[in-house]
């Protein structure tokens, strides 16, 4: 008798879900973008049963609908993301950068299983996609050591954008000892003859993470920035007084003492 009651309850729940899905599917066909978007949002509470419908909405002509479909897939969880990987890869080339960015973020939720996809995306022609893929690899730290050659390539690219370069420097630093192959390029960045102190200090910090016994040229980086910027360097130097590295704080303090008579 007890088993019969449980079975009947399961049938009632299943029947209710089927009715809800029918209502949502009717809304998916509506010509109003907002109604289809709301349908995508409603599907997030339907679990894996909603995945086939969400995959359809991933190709909707409305960006807001496509975005809501990705959010729903991510909300349902790992199984849904795995089932939607093909569509998510395609959406990394969406016409809207926010959707491309969200697709990369969702793929990365698969953890180490996403590393091959993220490595490939570091070479994407969209800066925001490249930078997001690099950031996600950096958050995976030692699990993503296979990504080190791709990250070094991003640092080395002659046409690299500063944002993706700094992201790659930060990411290899997070790989710690697994990223020793990046050390020569990081030292090159530290000694680069330009005024980009943020990039130079990021390279020095990465060196310290990879090799705790290293001695990056923090003082030279600060001094070179002062040479390039003159008095305009003072605000940056004051910020560097709070830097986590004692060598940077000391170099900034010495430079300020020479440049600003009011400094104490």
Protein backbone atom coordinates (compact mmCIF):
# COMPACT_ATOMS: atom_id res chain seq x y z
CA UNK A 1 0.00 0.00 0.00
CA UNK A 2 2.80 2.39 0.96
CA UNK A 3 4.63 1.74 -2.32
CA UNK A 4 1.43 2.42 -4.24
CA UNK A 5 1.01 5.80 -2.51
CA UNK A 6 4.65 6.74 -3.29
CA UNK A 7 4.19 5.68 -6.92
CA UNK A 8 1.04 7.76 -7.24
CA UNK A 9 2.79 10.82 -5.79
CA UNK A 10 5.64 10.42 -8.28
CA UNK A 11 3.14 10.24 -11.12
CA UNK A 12 1.41 13.39 -9.85
CA UNK A 13 4.72 15.26 -9.67
CA UNK A 14 5.71 14.06 -13.14
CA UNK A 15 2.33 15.08 -14.53
CA UNK A 16 2.64 18.53 -12.96
CA UNK A 17 6.13 19.03 -14.44
CA UNK A 18 4.86 17.97 -17.86
CA UNK A 19 2.08 20.55 -17.67
CA UNK A 20 4.54 23.25 -16.61
CA UNK A 21 6.86 22.37 -19.47
CA UNK A 22 3.97 22.54 -21.91
CA UNK A 23 3.13 26.07 -20.73
CA UNK A 24 6.78 27.15 -20.95
CA UNK A 25 7.17 25.66 -24.45
CA UNK A 26 4.18 27.66 -25.62
CA UNK A 27 5.90 30.81 -24.33
CA UNK A 28 9.12 29.82 -26.10
CA UNK A 29 7.29 30.22 -29.41
CA UNK A 30 5.97 33.70 -28.59
CA UNK A 31 7.08 36.58 -30.80
CA UNK A 32 7.72 38.82 -27.78
CA UNK A 33 11.39 38.64 -26.75
CA UNK A 34 10.52 39.29 -23.10
CA UNK A 35 8.13 36.36 -22.95
CA UNK A 36 10.72 34.01 -24.45
CA UNK A 37 13.31 35.37 -22.03
CA UNK A 38 10.99 34.64 -19.12
CA UNK A 39 10.47 31.14 -20.50
CA UNK A 40 14.23 30.59 -20.41
CA UNK A 41 14.33 31.82 -16.82
CA UNK A 42 11.48 29.50 -15.85
CA UNK A 43 13.30 26.50 -17.33
CA UNK A 44 16.15 26.88 -14.85
CA UNK A 45 13.89 25.41 -12.17
CA UNK A 46 12.94 22.37 -14.25
CA UNK A 47 16.25 20.53 -13.95
CA UNK A 48 17.70 18.30 -16.67
CA UNK A 49 14.27 17.84 -18.22
CA UNK A 50 14.60 21.41 -19.49
CA UNK A 51 17.93 20.93 -21.26
CA UNK A 52 16.57 20.13 -24.76
CA UNK A 53 14.44 23.29 -24.63
CA UNK A 54 17.32 25.41 -23.37
CA UNK A 55 19.52 24.17 -26.22
CA UNK A 56 16.86 25.44 -28.62
CA UNK A 57 16.84 28.84 -26.90
CA UNK A 58 20.64 29.04 -27.18
CA UNK A 59 20.11 29.81 -30.87
CA UNK A 60 17.27 32.31 -30.37
CA UNK A 61 17.63 35.52 -32.41
CA UNK A 62 17.33 37.64 -29.23
CA UNK A 63 20.53 38.16 -27.26
CA UNK A 64 18.64 38.47 -23.97
CA UNK A 65 17.02 35.08 -24.56
CA UNK A 66 20.33 33.43 -25.43
CA UNK A 67 21.90 34.96 -22.34
CA UNK A 68 19.09 33.71 -20.11
CA UNK A 69 19.43 30.23 -21.63
CA UNK A 70 23.13 30.11 -20.71
CA UNK A 71 22.34 31.30 -17.18
CA UNK A 72 19.73 28.56 -16.81
CA UNK A 73 22.15 25.88 -18.00
CA UNK A 74 24.77 27.08 -15.52
CA UNK A 75 22.17 27.12 -12.73
CA UNK A 76 21.08 23.53 -13.41
CA UNK A 77 24.66 22.42 -12.95
CA UNK A 78 27.49 20.27 -14.26
CA UNK A 79 25.35 17.67 -16.02
CA UNK A 80 23.54 20.35 -18.00
CA UNK A 81 26.79 22.12 -18.90
CA UNK A 82 28.27 18.84 -20.15
CA UNK A 83 25.17 18.27 -22.23
CA UNK A 84 25.40 21.76 -23.69
CA UNK A 85 29.16 21.92 -24.38
CA UNK A 86 28.75 21.88 -28.15
CA UNK A 87 26.29 24.78 -28.05
CA UNK A 88 28.41 26.69 -25.53
CA UNK A 89 31.47 26.35 -27.77
CA UNK A 90 29.45 27.83 -30.62
CA UNK A 91 28.28 30.66 -28.37
CA UNK A 92 31.90 31.63 -27.71
CA UNK A 93 31.58 33.10 -31.23
CA UNK A 94 28.25 34.85 -30.59
CA UNK A 95 27.73 38.27 -32.15
CA UNK A 96 27.41 39.80 -28.65
CA UNK A 97 30.53 39.89 -26.51
CA UNK A 98 28.61 39.56 -23.23
CA UNK A 99 27.25 36.21 -24.43
CA UNK A 100 30.70 35.09 -25.61
CA UNK A 101 32.06 36.00 -22.17
CA UNK A 102 29.24 34.17 -20.37
CA UNK A 103 29.74 31.05 -22.52
CA UNK A 104 33.44 30.91 -21.54
CA UNK A 105 32.54 31.36 -17.87
CA UNK A 106 29.99 28.54 -18.05
CA UNK A 107 32.36 26.11 -19.79
CA UNK A 108 34.93 26.83 -17.07
CA UNK A 109 32.46 25.54 -14.45
CA UNK A 110 33.48 22.04 -15.59
CA UNK A 111 36.81 22.57 -13.83
CA UNK A 112 39.77 20.51 -15.10
CA UNK A 113 37.55 19.01 -17.81
CA UNK A 114 37.34 22.46 -19.40
CA UNK A 115 41.09 23.07 -19.66
CA UNK A 116 41.42 21.96 -23.30
CA UNK A 117 38.57 24.27 -24.33
CA UNK A 118 39.96 27.19 -22.31
CA UNK A 119 43.45 26.70 -23.79
CA UNK A 120 41.98 26.88 -27.28
CA UNK A 121 40.04 30.01 -26.32
CA UNK A 122 43.24 31.81 -25.28
CA UNK A 123 43.83 32.14 -29.04
CA UNK A 124 40.36 33.52 -29.80
CA UNK A 125 40.19 36.64 -31.95
CA UNK A 126 38.05 38.43 -29.34
CA UNK A 127 40.08 40.09 -26.57
CA UNK A 128 37.35 39.64 -23.96
CA UNK A 129 37.09 35.92 -24.72
CA UNK A 130 40.89 35.47 -24.60
CA UNK A 131 41.20 37.36 -21.33
CA UNK A 132 38.28 35.52 -19.71
CA UNK A 133 39.72 32.13 -20.72
CA UNK A 134 43.13 33.14 -19.33
CA UNK A 135 41.56 34.32 -16.06
CA UNK A 136 39.64 31.06 -15.64
CA UNK A 137 42.84 29.05 -16.20
CA UNK A 138 44.56 31.16 -13.57
CA UNK A 139 41.85 30.38 -11.03
CA UNK A 140 42.42 26.66 -11.59
CA UNK A 141 46.03 27.07 -10.44
CA UNK A 142 48.03 23.79 -10.33
CA UNK A 143 45.25 21.82 -12.01
CA UNK A 144 45.90 23.74 -15.23
CA UNK A 145 49.64 23.21 -15.64
CA UNK A 146 49.03 21.97 -19.20
CA UNK A 147 47.93 25.52 -19.99
CA UNK A 148 51.36 27.04 -19.25
CA UNK A 149 52.62 26.93 -22.89
CA UNK A 150 49.43 28.70 -24.04
CA UNK A 151 49.83 31.36 -21.38
CA UNK A 152 53.48 31.94 -22.29
CA UNK A 153 52.40 32.34 -25.90
CA UNK A 154 49.97 35.06 -24.84
CA UNK A 155 52.78 36.87 -23.02
CA UNK A 156 55.04 36.50 -26.04
CA UNK A 157 52.59 37.64 -28.72
CA UNK A 158 53.95 40.71 -30.47
CA UNK A 159 50.38 41.89 -31.11
CA UNK A 160 49.19 41.17 -27.56
CA UNK A 161 46.84 43.51 -25.82
CA UNK A 162 47.98 44.73 -22.42
CA UNK A 163 44.92 43.29 -20.63
CA UNK A 164 45.43 39.77 -21.94
CA UNK A 165 49.18 40.00 -21.26
CA UNK A 166 48.68 41.03 -17.62
CA UNK A 167 46.05 38.29 -17.24
CA UNK A 168 48.50 35.71 -18.60
CA UNK A 169 51.27 36.95 -16.28
CA UNK A 170 48.93 36.65 -13.28
CA UNK A 171 47.78 33.19 -14.40
CA UNK A 172 51.30 31.74 -14.79
CA UNK A 173 52.14 33.13 -11.36
CA UNK A 174 49.25 31.14 -9.92
CA UNK A 175 50.70 27.97 -11.48
CA UNK A 176 53.70 28.45 -9.16
CA UNK A 177 56.52 25.93 -9.70
CA UNK A 178 54.68 24.33 -12.65
CA UNK A 179 55.31 27.54 -14.63
CA UNK A 180 59.12 27.69 -14.44
CA UNK A 181 59.29 27.77 -18.23
CA UNK A 182 57.74 31.24 -18.04
CA UNK A 183 60.54 32.73 -15.93
CA UNK A 184 62.78 33.97 -18.81
CA UNK A 185 59.87 35.88 -20.38
CA UNK A 186 58.81 37.31 -17.02
CA UNK A 187 62.33 38.63 -16.40
CA UNK A 188 62.24 40.19 -19.87
CA UNK A 189 59.03 41.99 -18.89
CA UNK A 190 60.60 43.24 -15.66
CA UNK A 191 63.42 44.81 -17.67
CA UNK A 192 61.27 46.15 -20.48
CA UNK A 193 62.11 49.77 -21.29
CA UNK A 194 58.75 51.47 -21.03
CA UNK A 195 56.55 53.13 -18.44
CA UNK A 196 54.09 50.29 -17.78
CA UNK A 197 54.86 49.78 -14.10
CA UNK A 198 51.72 47.69 -13.49
CA UNK A 199 52.82 45.09 -16.04
CA UNK A 200 56.41 45.10 -14.78
CA UNK A 201 55.36 44.64 -11.15
CA UNK A 202 52.87 41.91 -12.14
CA UNK A 203 55.76 40.06 -13.82
CA UNK A 204 57.94 40.48 -10.71
CA UNK A 205 55.15 39.20 -8.46
CA UNK A 206 54.66 36.16 -10.74
CA UNK A 207 58.39 35.41 -10.56
CA UNK A 208 58.20 35.37 -6.76
CA UNK A 209 55.26 32.95 -6.82
CA UNK A 210 57.00 30.61 -9.25
CA UNK A 211 60.39 30.78 -7.51
CA UNK A 212 60.23 32.03 -3.90
CA UNK A 213 64.04 32.25 -3.83
CA UNK A 214 64.18 34.64 -6.79
CA UNK A 215 65.05 38.32 -6.46
CA UNK A 216 63.08 40.25 -9.08
CA UNK A 217 64.35 43.82 -9.77
CA UNK A 218 61.60 45.64 -7.87
CA UNK A 219 63.80 48.67 -7.12
CA UNK A 220 64.84 49.01 -10.77
CA UNK A 221 61.22 48.84 -11.89
CA UNK A 222 60.20 51.66 -9.54
CA UNK A 223 63.24 53.77 -10.45
CA UNK A 224 62.59 53.32 -14.18
CA UNK A 225 58.99 54.41 -13.76
CA UNK A 226 60.13 57.58 -11.99
CA UNK A 227 62.55 58.26 -14.86
CA UNK A 228 59.73 57.99 -17.40
CA UNK A 229 57.00 59.81 -15.48
CA UNK A 230 58.84 62.33 -13.31
CA UNK A 231 56.52 64.14 -10.91
CA UNK A 232 53.52 62.37 -12.45
CA UNK A 233 54.77 59.18 -10.80
CA UNK A 234 54.02 60.46 -7.29
CA UNK A 235 50.38 59.19 -7.07
CA UNK A 236 51.48 55.70 -8.18
CA UNK A 237 54.38 55.74 -5.74
CA UNK A 238 52.00 56.59 -2.89
CA UNK A 239 49.83 53.61 -3.86
CA UNK A 240 52.91 51.39 -3.88
CA UNK A 241 53.52 52.21 -0.22
CA UNK A 242 50.73 49.66 0.42
CA UNK A 243 52.16 47.00 -1.90
CA UNK A 244 52.32 43.48 -0.47
CA UNK A 245 56.04 43.20 -1.26
CA UNK A 246 58.39 44.92 1.18
CA UNK A 247 60.96 45.65 -1.56
CA UNK A 248 58.37 47.60 -3.54
CA UNK A 249 57.27 49.56 -0.48
CA UNK A 250 60.88 50.47 0.33
CA UNK A 251 61.69 51.50 -3.25
CA UNK A 252 58.55 53.65 -3.41
CA UNK A 253 59.39 55.25 -0.07
CA UNK A 254 62.94 56.10 -1.18
CA UNK A 255 61.73 57.55 -4.48
CA UNK A 256 59.07 59.67 -2.78
CA UNK A 257 61.60 61.00 -0.26
CA UNK A 258 63.72 62.29 -3.15
CA UNK A 259 60.83 63.74 -5.18
CA UNK A 260 58.42 65.13 -2.60
CA UNK A 261 59.83 67.37 0.17
CA UNK A 262 56.56 67.05 2.12
CA UNK A 263 56.78 63.27 2.24
CA UNK A 264 57.24 61.75 5.69
